[in-house]
ModelCIF file with pLDDT and N, C-alpha, C, O atoms, coordinates in Angstrom:
data_MODEL
#
_entry.id   MODEL 
#
_entity.id                         1 
_entity.type                       polymer 
_entity.pdbx_number_of_molecules   1 
#
_entity_poly.entity_id                      1 
_entity_poly.type                           'polypeptide(L)' 
_entity_poly.nstd_linkage                   no 
_entity_poly.nstd_monomer                   no 
_entity_poly.pdbx_seq_one_letter_code       MIGRGLIGNPFLIQEINNYVDGKENFKVPYSEKIEMCKVHTRKLI 
_entity_poly.pdbx_seq_one_letter_code_can   MIGRGLIGNPFLIQEINNYVDGKENFKVPYSEKIEMCKVHTRKLI 
_entity_poly.pdbx_strand_id                 A 
#
loop_
_entity_poly_seq.entity_id 
_entity_poly_seq.num 
_entity_poly_seq.mon_id 
_entity_poly_seq.hetero 
1 1  MET n 
1 2  ILE n 
1 3  GLY n 
1 4  ARG n 
1 5  GLY n 
1 6  LEU n 
1 7  ILE n 
1 8  GLY n 
1 9  ASN n 
1 10 PRO n 
1 11 PHE n 
1 12 LEU n 
1 13 ILE n 
1 14 GLN n 
1 15 GLU n 
1 16 ILE n 
1 17 ASN n 
1 18 ASN n 
1 19 TYR n 
1 20 VAL n 
1 21 ASP n 
1 22 GLY n 
1 23 LYS n 
1 24 GLU n 
1 25 ASN n 
1 26 PHE n 
1 27 LYS n 
1 28 VAL n 
1 29 PRO n 
1 30 TYR n 
1 31 SER n 
1 32 GLU n 
1 33 LYS n 
1 34 ILE n 
1 35 GLU n 
1 36 MET n 
1 37 CYS n 
1 38 LYS n 
1 39 VAL n 
1 40 HIS n 
1 41 THR n 
1 42 ARG n 
1 43 LYS n 
1 44 LEU n 
1 45 ILE n 
#
_struct_asym.id          A 
_struct_asym.entity_id   1 
#
loop_
_ma_qa_metric.id 
_ma_qa_metric.mode 
_ma_qa_metric.name 
_ma_qa_metric.software_group_id 
_ma_qa_metric.type 
1 global pLDDT . pLDDT 
2 local  pLDDT . pLDDT 
#
_ma_qa_metric_global.metric_id      1 
_ma_qa_metric_global.metric_value   96.64 
_ma_qa_metric_global.model_id       1 
_ma_qa_metric_global.ordinal_id     1 
#
loop_
_ma_qa_metric_local.label_asym_id 
_ma_qa_metric_local.label_comp_id 
_ma_qa_metric_local.label_seq_id 
_ma_qa_metric_local.metric_id 
_ma_qa_metric_local.metric_value 
_ma_qa_metric_local.model_id 
_ma_qa_metric_local.ordinal_id 
A MET 1  2 98.00 1 1  
A ILE 2  2 98.00 1 2  
A GLY 3  2 96.00 1 3  
A ARG 4  2 95.00 1 4  
A GLY 5  2 96.00 1 5  
A LEU 6  2 98.00 1 6  
A ILE 7  2 97.00 1 7  
A GLY 8  2 97.00 1 8  
A ASN 9  2 97.00 1 9  
A PRO 10 2 97.00 1 10 
A PHE 11 2 98.00 1 11 
A LEU 12 2 98.00 1 12 
A ILE 13 2 98.00 1 13 
A GLN 14 2 97.00 1 14 
A GLU 15 2 97.00 1 15 
A ILE 16 2 97.00 1 16 
A ASN 17 2 97.00 1 17 
A ASN 18 2 97.00 1 18 
A TYR 19 2 97.00 1 19 
A VAL 20 2 96.00 1 20 
A ASP 21 2 96.00 1 21 
A GLY 22 2 96.00 1 22 
A LYS 23 2 96.00 1 23 
A GLU 24 2 94.00 1 24 
A ASN 25 2 93.00 1 25 
A PHE 26 2 91.00 1 26 
A LYS 27 2 92.00 1 27 
A VAL 28 2 95.00 1 28 
A PRO 29 2 96.00 1 29 
A TYR 30 2 97.00 1 30 
A SER 31 2 97.00 1 31 
A GLU 32 2 97.00 1 32 
A LYS 33 2 97.00 1 33 
A ILE 34 2 97.00 1 34 
A GLU 35 2 98.00 1 35 
A MET 36 2 98.00 1 36 
A CYS 37 2 98.00 1 37 
A LYS 38 2 98.00 1 38 
A VAL 39 2 98.00 1 39 
A HIS 40 2 98.00 1 40 
A THR 41 2 98.00 1 41 
A ARG 42 2 98.00 1 42 
A LYS 43 2 96.00 1 43 
A LEU 44 2 97.00 1 44 
A ILE 45 2 97.00 1 45 
#
loop_
_atom_site.group_PDB 
_atom_site.id 
_atom_site.type_symbol 
_atom_site.label_atom_id 
_atom_site.label_alt_id 
_atom_site.label_comp_id 
_atom_site.label_asym_id 
_atom_site.label_entity_id 
_atom_site.label_seq_id 
_atom_site.pdbx_PDB_ins_code 
_atom_site.Cartn_x 
_atom_site.Cartn_y 
_atom_site.Cartn_z 
_atom_site.occupancy 
_atom_site.B_iso_or_equiv 
_atom_site.pdbx_formal_charge 
_atom_site.auth_seq_id 
_atom_site.auth_comp_id 
_atom_site.auth_asym_id 
_atom_site.auth_atom_id 
_atom_site.pdbx_PDB_model_num 
ATOM 1   N N  . MET A 1 1  ? 42.016 92.410  -39.423 1.00 98.00 ? 1  MET A N  1 
ATOM 2   C CA . MET A 1 1  ? 41.908 91.792  -40.567 1.00 98.00 ? 1  MET A CA 1 
ATOM 3   C C  . MET A 1 1  ? 40.523 91.764  -41.030 1.00 98.00 ? 1  MET A C  1 
ATOM 4   O O  . MET A 1 1  ? 39.646 91.396  -40.248 1.00 98.00 ? 1  MET A O  1 
ATOM 5   N N  . ILE A 1 2  ? 40.259 92.091  -42.139 1.00 98.00 ? 2  ILE A N  1 
ATOM 6   C CA . ILE A 1 2  ? 39.130 92.528  -42.944 1.00 98.00 ? 2  ILE A CA 1 
ATOM 7   C C  . ILE A 1 2  ? 39.096 91.574  -44.251 1.00 98.00 ? 2  ILE A C  1 
ATOM 8   O O  . ILE A 1 2  ? 40.065 91.617  -45.009 1.00 98.00 ? 2  ILE A O  1 
ATOM 9   N N  . GLY A 1 3  ? 37.982 90.692  -44.547 1.00 96.00 ? 3  GLY A N  1 
ATOM 10  C CA . GLY A 1 3  ? 38.009 89.966  -45.979 1.00 96.00 ? 3  GLY A CA 1 
ATOM 11  C C  . GLY A 1 3  ? 36.735 90.027  -46.697 1.00 96.00 ? 3  GLY A C  1 
ATOM 12  O O  . GLY A 1 3  ? 36.678 90.763  -47.682 1.00 96.00 ? 3  GLY A O  1 
ATOM 13  N N  . ARG A 1 4  ? 35.677 89.338  -46.332 1.00 95.00 ? 4  ARG A N  1 
ATOM 14  C CA . ARG A 1 4  ? 34.849 89.561  -47.333 1.00 95.00 ? 4  ARG A CA 1 
ATOM 15  C C  . ARG A 1 4  ? 33.797 90.742  -47.147 1.00 95.00 ? 4  ARG A C  1 
ATOM 16  O O  . ARG A 1 4  ? 32.819 90.890  -47.878 1.00 95.00 ? 4  ARG A O  1 
ATOM 17  N N  . GLY A 1 5  ? 34.160 91.648  -45.961 1.00 96.00 ? 5  GLY A N  1 
ATOM 18  C CA . GLY A 1 5  ? 33.759 92.659  -45.928 1.00 96.00 ? 5  GLY A CA 1 
ATOM 19  C C  . GLY A 1 5  ? 34.107 94.116  -46.807 1.00 96.00 ? 5  GLY A C  1 
ATOM 20  O O  . GLY A 1 5  ? 33.536 95.203  -46.901 1.00 96.00 ? 5  GLY A O  1 
ATOM 21  N N  . LEU A 1 6  ? 35.569 93.423  -47.491 1.00 98.00 ? 6  LEU A N  1 
ATOM 22  C CA . LEU A 1 6  ? 35.988 94.586  -48.478 1.00 98.00 ? 6  LEU A CA 1 
ATOM 23  C C  . LEU A 1 6  ? 35.700 93.966  -49.750 1.00 98.00 ? 6  LEU A C  1 
ATOM 24  O O  . LEU A 1 6  ? 36.469 94.546  -50.517 1.00 98.00 ? 6  LEU A O  1 
ATOM 25  N N  . ILE A 1 7  ? 35.105 93.208  -50.355 1.00 97.00 ? 7  ILE A N  1 
ATOM 26  C CA . ILE A 1 7  ? 34.810 92.791  -51.638 1.00 97.00 ? 7  ILE A CA 1 
ATOM 27  C C  . ILE A 1 7  ? 33.566 93.903  -52.101 1.00 97.00 ? 7  ILE A C  1 
ATOM 28  O O  . ILE A 1 7  ? 32.524 93.896  -51.444 1.00 97.00 ? 7  ILE A O  1 
ATOM 29  N N  . GLY A 1 8  ? 33.679 94.585  -52.929 1.00 97.00 ? 8  GLY A N  1 
ATOM 30  C CA . GLY A 1 8  ? 33.273 95.513  -53.895 1.00 97.00 ? 8  GLY A CA 1 
ATOM 31  C C  . GLY A 1 8  ? 33.101 96.727  -52.906 1.00 97.00 ? 8  GLY A C  1 
ATOM 32  O O  . GLY A 1 8  ? 32.122 97.458  -53.052 1.00 97.00 ? 8  GLY A O  1 
ATOM 33  N N  . ASN A 1 9  ? 33.980 96.961  -51.941 1.00 97.00 ? 9  ASN A N  1 
ATOM 34  C CA . ASN A 1 9  ? 33.820 97.855  -50.688 1.00 97.00 ? 9  ASN A CA 1 
ATOM 35  C C  . ASN A 1 9  ? 35.456 98.278  -49.940 1.00 97.00 ? 9  ASN A C  1 
ATOM 36  O O  . ASN A 1 9  ? 35.684 98.471  -48.746 1.00 97.00 ? 9  ASN A O  1 
ATOM 37  N N  . PRO A 1 10 ? 36.366 98.329  -51.029 1.00 97.00 ? 10 PRO A N  1 
ATOM 38  C CA . PRO A 1 10 ? 37.563 99.032  -50.476 1.00 97.00 ? 10 PRO A CA 1 
ATOM 39  C C  . PRO A 1 10 ? 37.324 100.094 -50.262 1.00 97.00 ? 10 PRO A C  1 
ATOM 40  O O  . PRO A 1 10 ? 38.406 100.661 -50.414 1.00 97.00 ? 10 PRO A O  1 
ATOM 41  N N  . PHE A 1 11 ? 36.354 101.070 -49.900 1.00 98.00 ? 11 PHE A N  1 
ATOM 42  C CA . PHE A 1 11 ? 36.166 102.128 -49.379 1.00 98.00 ? 11 PHE A CA 1 
ATOM 43  C C  . PHE A 1 11 ? 36.259 102.393 -47.873 1.00 98.00 ? 11 PHE A C  1 
ATOM 44  O O  . PHE A 1 11 ? 36.537 103.447 -47.301 1.00 98.00 ? 11 PHE A O  1 
ATOM 45  N N  . LEU A 1 12 ? 35.900 100.951 -47.265 1.00 98.00 ? 12 LEU A N  1 
ATOM 46  C CA . LEU A 1 12 ? 35.948 100.724 -46.059 1.00 98.00 ? 12 LEU A CA 1 
ATOM 47  C C  . LEU A 1 12 ? 37.169 101.171 -45.179 1.00 98.00 ? 12 LEU A C  1 
ATOM 48  O O  . LEU A 1 12 ? 37.168 101.760 -44.098 1.00 98.00 ? 12 LEU A O  1 
ATOM 49  N N  . ILE A 1 13 ? 38.361 100.659 -46.058 1.00 98.00 ? 13 ILE A N  1 
ATOM 50  C CA . ILE A 1 13 ? 39.892 101.021 -45.642 1.00 98.00 ? 13 ILE A CA 1 
ATOM 51  C C  . ILE A 1 13 ? 39.927 102.578 -45.227 1.00 98.00 ? 13 ILE A C  1 
ATOM 52  O O  . ILE A 1 13 ? 40.103 103.055 -44.105 1.00 98.00 ? 13 ILE A O  1 
ATOM 53  N N  . GLN A 1 14 ? 39.706 103.245 -46.478 1.00 97.00 ? 14 GLN A N  1 
ATOM 54  C CA . GLN A 1 14 ? 39.905 104.484 -45.954 1.00 97.00 ? 14 GLN A CA 1 
ATOM 55  C C  . GLN A 1 14 ? 39.060 105.499 -45.055 1.00 97.00 ? 14 GLN A C  1 
ATOM 56  O O  . GLN A 1 14 ? 39.335 106.647 -44.706 1.00 97.00 ? 14 GLN A O  1 
ATOM 57  N N  . GLU A 1 15 ? 37.792 104.595 -44.759 1.00 97.00 ? 15 GLU A N  1 
ATOM 58  C CA . GLU A 1 15 ? 36.975 105.063 -44.105 1.00 97.00 ? 15 GLU A CA 1 
ATOM 59  C C  . GLU A 1 15 ? 37.399 105.042 -42.305 1.00 97.00 ? 15 GLU A C  1 
ATOM 60  O O  . GLU A 1 15 ? 37.308 105.896 -41.423 1.00 97.00 ? 15 GLU A O  1 
ATOM 61  N N  . ILE A 1 16 ? 37.893 103.601 -42.330 1.00 97.00 ? 16 ILE A N  1 
ATOM 62  C CA . ILE A 1 16 ? 38.603 103.603 -41.136 1.00 97.00 ? 16 ILE A CA 1 
ATOM 63  C C  . ILE A 1 16 ? 39.806 104.402 -40.817 1.00 97.00 ? 16 ILE A C  1 
ATOM 64  O O  . ILE A 1 16 ? 39.870 104.768 -39.643 1.00 97.00 ? 16 ILE A O  1 
ATOM 65  N N  . ASN A 1 17 ? 40.783 104.760 -41.605 1.00 97.00 ? 17 ASN A N  1 
ATOM 66  C CA . ASN A 1 17 ? 41.918 105.568 -41.699 1.00 97.00 ? 17 ASN A CA 1 
ATOM 67  C C  . ASN A 1 17 ? 41.111 106.870 -41.289 1.00 97.00 ? 17 ASN A C  1 
ATOM 68  O O  . ASN A 1 17 ? 41.536 107.538 -40.346 1.00 97.00 ? 17 ASN A O  1 
ATOM 69  N N  . ASN A 1 18 ? 39.983 107.249 -41.949 1.00 97.00 ? 18 ASN A N  1 
ATOM 70  C CA . ASN A 1 18 ? 39.677 108.760 -41.528 1.00 97.00 ? 18 ASN A CA 1 
ATOM 71  C C  . ASN A 1 18 ? 39.286 108.695 -40.149 1.00 97.00 ? 18 ASN A C  1 
ATOM 72  O O  . ASN A 1 18 ? 39.235 109.776 -39.562 1.00 97.00 ? 18 ASN A O  1 
ATOM 73  N N  . TYR A 1 19 ? 38.939 107.433 -39.371 1.00 97.00 ? 19 TYR A N  1 
ATOM 74  C CA . TYR A 1 19 ? 38.196 107.428 -38.143 1.00 97.00 ? 19 TYR A CA 1 
ATOM 75  C C  . TYR A 1 19 ? 39.372 107.831 -37.052 1.00 97.00 ? 19 TYR A C  1 
ATOM 76  O O  . TYR A 1 19 ? 39.321 108.478 -36.006 1.00 97.00 ? 19 TYR A O  1 
ATOM 77  N N  . VAL A 1 20 ? 40.619 107.068 -37.854 1.00 96.00 ? 20 VAL A N  1 
ATOM 78  C CA . VAL A 1 20 ? 41.634 106.985 -36.845 1.00 96.00 ? 20 VAL A CA 1 
ATOM 79  C C  . VAL A 1 20 ? 42.309 108.188 -36.729 1.00 96.00 ? 20 VAL A C  1 
ATOM 80  O O  . VAL A 1 20 ? 42.665 108.623 -35.634 1.00 96.00 ? 20 VAL A O  1 
ATOM 81  N N  . ASP A 1 21 ? 42.535 108.827 -37.902 1.00 96.00 ? 21 ASP A N  1 
ATOM 82  C CA . ASP A 1 21 ? 42.827 110.156 -38.168 1.00 96.00 ? 21 ASP A CA 1 
ATOM 83  C C  . ASP A 1 21 ? 42.294 111.494 -37.766 1.00 96.00 ? 21 ASP A C  1 
ATOM 84  O O  . ASP A 1 21 ? 42.858 112.588 -37.733 1.00 96.00 ? 21 ASP A O  1 
ATOM 85  N N  . GLY A 1 22 ? 40.947 111.107 -37.440 1.00 96.00 ? 22 GLY A N  1 
ATOM 86  C CA . GLY A 1 22 ? 39.941 112.238 -36.692 1.00 96.00 ? 22 GLY A CA 1 
ATOM 87  C C  . GLY A 1 22 ? 39.373 113.005 -37.727 1.00 96.00 ? 22 GLY A C  1 
ATOM 88  O O  . GLY A 1 22 ? 39.042 114.183 -37.592 1.00 96.00 ? 22 GLY A O  1 
ATOM 89  N N  . LYS A 1 23 ? 39.213 112.088 -39.158 1.00 96.00 ? 23 LYS A N  1 
ATOM 90  C CA . LYS A 1 23 ? 38.491 113.006 -40.264 1.00 96.00 ? 23 LYS A CA 1 
ATOM 91  C C  . LYS A 1 23 ? 37.070 112.780 -40.193 1.00 96.00 ? 23 LYS A C  1 
ATOM 92  O O  . LYS A 1 23 ? 36.702 111.696 -39.740 1.00 96.00 ? 23 LYS A O  1 
ATOM 93  N N  . GLU A 1 24 ? 36.278 113.555 -40.533 1.00 94.00 ? 24 GLU A N  1 
ATOM 94  C CA . GLU A 1 24 ? 34.833 113.130 -40.988 1.00 94.00 ? 24 GLU A CA 1 
ATOM 95  C C  . GLU A 1 24 ? 34.289 112.163 -42.057 1.00 94.00 ? 24 GLU A C  1 
ATOM 96  O O  . GLU A 1 24 ? 34.542 112.416 -43.235 1.00 94.00 ? 24 GLU A O  1 
ATOM 97  N N  . ASN A 1 25 ? 33.790 111.415 -41.839 1.00 93.00 ? 25 ASN A N  1 
ATOM 98  C CA . ASN A 1 25 ? 33.517 110.380 -43.046 1.00 93.00 ? 25 ASN A CA 1 
ATOM 99  C C  . ASN A 1 25 ? 31.885 110.587 -43.863 1.00 93.00 ? 25 ASN A C  1 
ATOM 100 O O  . ASN A 1 25 ? 30.875 110.677 -43.166 1.00 93.00 ? 25 ASN A O  1 
ATOM 101 N N  . PHE A 1 26 ? 31.824 110.634 -45.126 1.00 91.00 ? 26 PHE A N  1 
ATOM 102 C CA . PHE A 1 26 ? 30.932 111.042 -45.481 1.00 91.00 ? 26 PHE A CA 1 
ATOM 103 C C  . PHE A 1 26 ? 30.456 109.780 -46.804 1.00 91.00 ? 26 PHE A C  1 
ATOM 104 O O  . PHE A 1 26 ? 31.161 109.232 -47.651 1.00 91.00 ? 26 PHE A O  1 
ATOM 105 N N  . LYS A 1 27 ? 29.054 109.662 -46.523 1.00 92.00 ? 27 LYS A N  1 
ATOM 106 C CA . LYS A 1 27 ? 28.328 108.438 -47.563 1.00 92.00 ? 27 LYS A CA 1 
ATOM 107 C C  . LYS A 1 27 ? 29.094 107.822 -49.084 1.00 92.00 ? 27 LYS A C  1 
ATOM 108 O O  . LYS A 1 27 ? 28.839 108.701 -49.907 1.00 92.00 ? 27 LYS A O  1 
ATOM 109 N N  . VAL A 1 28 ? 29.476 107.299 -49.417 1.00 95.00 ? 28 VAL A N  1 
ATOM 110 C CA . VAL A 1 28 ? 30.148 107.249 -50.771 1.00 95.00 ? 28 VAL A CA 1 
ATOM 111 C C  . VAL A 1 28 ? 29.333 107.440 -51.608 1.00 95.00 ? 28 VAL A C  1 
ATOM 112 O O  . VAL A 1 28 ? 28.401 106.652 -51.444 1.00 95.00 ? 28 VAL A O  1 
ATOM 113 N N  . PRO A 1 29 ? 29.125 108.338 -52.769 1.00 96.00 ? 29 PRO A N  1 
ATOM 114 C CA . PRO A 1 29 ? 28.379 108.265 -53.601 1.00 96.00 ? 29 PRO A CA 1 
ATOM 115 C C  . PRO A 1 29 ? 28.598 107.510 -54.800 1.00 96.00 ? 29 PRO A C  1 
ATOM 116 O O  . PRO A 1 29 ? 29.663 107.371 -55.401 1.00 96.00 ? 29 PRO A O  1 
ATOM 117 N N  . TYR A 1 30 ? 27.224 106.934 -55.142 1.00 97.00 ? 30 TYR A N  1 
ATOM 118 C CA . TYR A 1 30 ? 26.980 105.779 -56.283 1.00 97.00 ? 30 TYR A CA 1 
ATOM 119 C C  . TYR A 1 30 ? 27.734 106.009 -57.157 1.00 97.00 ? 30 TYR A C  1 
ATOM 120 O O  . TYR A 1 30 ? 28.217 104.984 -57.637 1.00 97.00 ? 30 TYR A O  1 
ATOM 121 N N  . SER A 1 31 ? 28.184 107.253 -57.754 1.00 97.00 ? 31 SER A N  1 
ATOM 122 C CA . SER A 1 31 ? 28.719 107.279 -58.844 1.00 97.00 ? 31 SER A CA 1 
ATOM 123 C C  . SER A 1 31 ? 30.504 106.696 -58.697 1.00 97.00 ? 31 SER A C  1 
ATOM 124 O O  . SER A 1 31 ? 31.142 106.277 -59.663 1.00 97.00 ? 31 SER A O  1 
ATOM 125 N N  . GLU A 1 32 ? 30.984 106.788 -57.456 1.00 97.00 ? 32 GLU A N  1 
ATOM 126 C CA . GLU A 1 32 ? 32.443 106.607 -57.101 1.00 97.00 ? 32 GLU A CA 1 
ATOM 127 C C  . GLU A 1 32 ? 32.347 105.017 -57.026 1.00 97.00 ? 32 GLU A C  1 
ATOM 128 O O  . GLU A 1 32 ? 33.342 104.360 -57.331 1.00 97.00 ? 32 GLU A O  1 
ATOM 129 N N  . LYS A 1 33 ? 31.072 104.330 -56.593 1.00 97.00 ? 33 LYS A N  1 
ATOM 130 C CA . LYS A 1 33 ? 31.280 102.778 -56.404 1.00 97.00 ? 33 LYS A CA 1 
ATOM 131 C C  . LYS A 1 33 ? 31.295 102.110 -58.153 1.00 97.00 ? 33 LYS A C  1 
ATOM 132 O O  . LYS A 1 33 ? 31.843 101.086 -58.561 1.00 97.00 ? 33 LYS A O  1 
ATOM 133 N N  . ILE A 1 34 ? 30.657 102.906 -58.748 1.00 97.00 ? 34 ILE A N  1 
ATOM 134 C CA . ILE A 1 34 ? 30.601 102.445 -60.197 1.00 97.00 ? 34 ILE A CA 1 
ATOM 135 C C  . ILE A 1 34 ? 31.772 102.609 -60.730 1.00 97.00 ? 34 ILE A C  1 
ATOM 136 O O  . ILE A 1 34 ? 32.283 101.665 -61.332 1.00 97.00 ? 34 ILE A O  1 
ATOM 137 N N  . GLU A 1 35 ? 32.405 103.784 -60.622 1.00 98.00 ? 35 GLU A N  1 
ATOM 138 C CA . GLU A 1 35 ? 33.721 103.923 -61.351 1.00 98.00 ? 35 GLU A CA 1 
ATOM 139 C C  . GLU A 1 35 ? 34.963 103.035 -60.722 1.00 98.00 ? 35 GLU A C  1 
ATOM 140 O O  . GLU A 1 35 ? 35.896 102.686 -61.446 1.00 98.00 ? 35 GLU A O  1 
ATOM 141 N N  . MET A 1 36 ? 34.907 102.709 -59.377 1.00 98.00 ? 36 MET A N  1 
ATOM 142 C CA . MET A 1 36 ? 35.773 101.900 -58.926 1.00 98.00 ? 36 MET A CA 1 
ATOM 143 C C  . MET A 1 36 ? 35.512 100.259 -59.115 1.00 98.00 ? 36 MET A C  1 
ATOM 144 O O  . MET A 1 36 ? 36.197 99.297  -58.767 1.00 98.00 ? 36 MET A O  1 
ATOM 145 N N  . CYS A 1 37 ? 34.428 100.332 -59.705 1.00 98.00 ? 37 CYS A N  1 
ATOM 146 C CA . CYS A 1 37 ? 34.278 98.788  -59.922 1.00 98.00 ? 37 CYS A CA 1 
ATOM 147 C C  . CYS A 1 37 ? 34.967 98.756  -61.674 1.00 98.00 ? 37 CYS A C  1 
ATOM 148 O O  . CYS A 1 37 ? 35.447 97.785  -62.259 1.00 98.00 ? 37 CYS A O  1 
ATOM 149 N N  . LYS A 1 38 ? 34.841 99.785  -62.042 1.00 98.00 ? 38 LYS A N  1 
ATOM 150 C CA . LYS A 1 38 ? 35.637 99.872  -63.515 1.00 98.00 ? 38 LYS A CA 1 
ATOM 151 C C  . LYS A 1 38 ? 36.892 99.720  -63.235 1.00 98.00 ? 38 LYS A C  1 
ATOM 152 O O  . LYS A 1 38 ? 37.260 98.674  -63.770 1.00 98.00 ? 38 LYS A O  1 
ATOM 153 N N  . VAL A 1 39 ? 37.854 100.282 -62.601 1.00 98.00 ? 39 VAL A N  1 
ATOM 154 C CA . VAL A 1 39 ? 38.974 100.730 -62.110 1.00 98.00 ? 39 VAL A CA 1 
ATOM 155 C C  . VAL A 1 39 ? 39.313 99.048  -61.677 1.00 98.00 ? 39 VAL A C  1 
ATOM 156 O O  . VAL A 1 39 ? 40.072 98.381  -62.380 1.00 98.00 ? 39 VAL A O  1 
ATOM 157 N N  . HIS A 1 40 ? 38.714 98.531  -60.560 1.00 98.00 ? 40 HIS A N  1 
ATOM 158 C CA . HIS A 1 40 ? 39.260 97.041  -60.515 1.00 98.00 ? 40 HIS A CA 1 
ATOM 159 C C  . HIS A 1 40 ? 39.123 96.404  -61.607 1.00 98.00 ? 40 HIS A C  1 
ATOM 160 O O  . HIS A 1 40 ? 39.998 95.556  -61.786 1.00 98.00 ? 40 HIS A O  1 
ATOM 161 N N  . THR A 1 41 ? 38.247 96.506  -62.513 1.00 98.00 ? 41 THR A N  1 
ATOM 162 C CA . THR A 1 41 ? 38.201 95.380  -63.696 1.00 98.00 ? 41 THR A CA 1 
ATOM 163 C C  . THR A 1 41 ? 39.775 95.706  -64.723 1.00 98.00 ? 41 THR A C  1 
ATOM 164 O O  . THR A 1 41 ? 40.476 94.825  -65.221 1.00 98.00 ? 41 THR A O  1 
ATOM 165 N N  . ARG A 1 42 ? 39.980 97.033  -64.805 1.00 98.00 ? 42 ARG A N  1 
ATOM 166 C CA . ARG A 1 42 ? 40.990 97.396  -65.474 1.00 98.00 ? 42 ARG A CA 1 
ATOM 167 C C  . ARG A 1 42 ? 42.047 96.882  -65.028 1.00 98.00 ? 42 ARG A C  1 
ATOM 168 O O  . ARG A 1 42 ? 42.807 96.272  -65.779 1.00 98.00 ? 42 ARG A O  1 
ATOM 169 N N  . LYS A 1 43 ? 42.287 97.034  -63.733 1.00 96.00 ? 43 LYS A N  1 
ATOM 170 C CA . LYS A 1 43 ? 43.574 96.616  -63.034 1.00 96.00 ? 43 LYS A CA 1 
ATOM 171 C C  . LYS A 1 43 ? 43.507 95.045  -63.227 1.00 96.00 ? 43 LYS A C  1 
ATOM 172 O O  . LYS A 1 43 ? 44.562 94.530  -63.599 1.00 96.00 ? 43 LYS A O  1 
ATOM 173 N N  . LEU A 1 44 ? 42.424 94.209  -63.031 1.00 97.00 ? 44 LEU A N  1 
ATOM 174 C CA . LEU A 1 44 ? 42.500 93.088  -63.393 1.00 97.00 ? 44 LEU A CA 1 
ATOM 175 C C  . LEU A 1 44 ? 42.758 92.304  -64.757 1.00 97.00 ? 44 LEU A C  1 
ATOM 176 O O  . LEU A 1 44 ? 43.277 91.220  -65.024 1.00 97.00 ? 44 LEU A O  1 
ATOM 177 N N  . ILE A 1 45 ? 42.193 93.285  -65.473 1.00 97.00 ? 45 ILE A N  1 
ATOM 178 C CA . ILE A 1 45 ? 42.684 93.013  -67.099 1.00 97.00 ? 45 ILE A CA 1 
ATOM 179 C C  . ILE A 1 45 ? 44.493 93.046  -67.113 1.00 97.00 ? 45 ILE A C  1 
ATOM 180 O O  . ILE A 1 45 ? 45.105 92.875  -68.167 1.00 97.00 ? 45 ILE A O  1 
#
């Protein structure tokens, strides 16, 4: 179970799933972080 580690970083879920599935992880681009902040905001609105 993850709590505070996901605030601002839901990407961690996908990264863990990639590890479990044997897929390679790459550093999340800052542009994706900024876009996800917008997505989160729109969903909350």
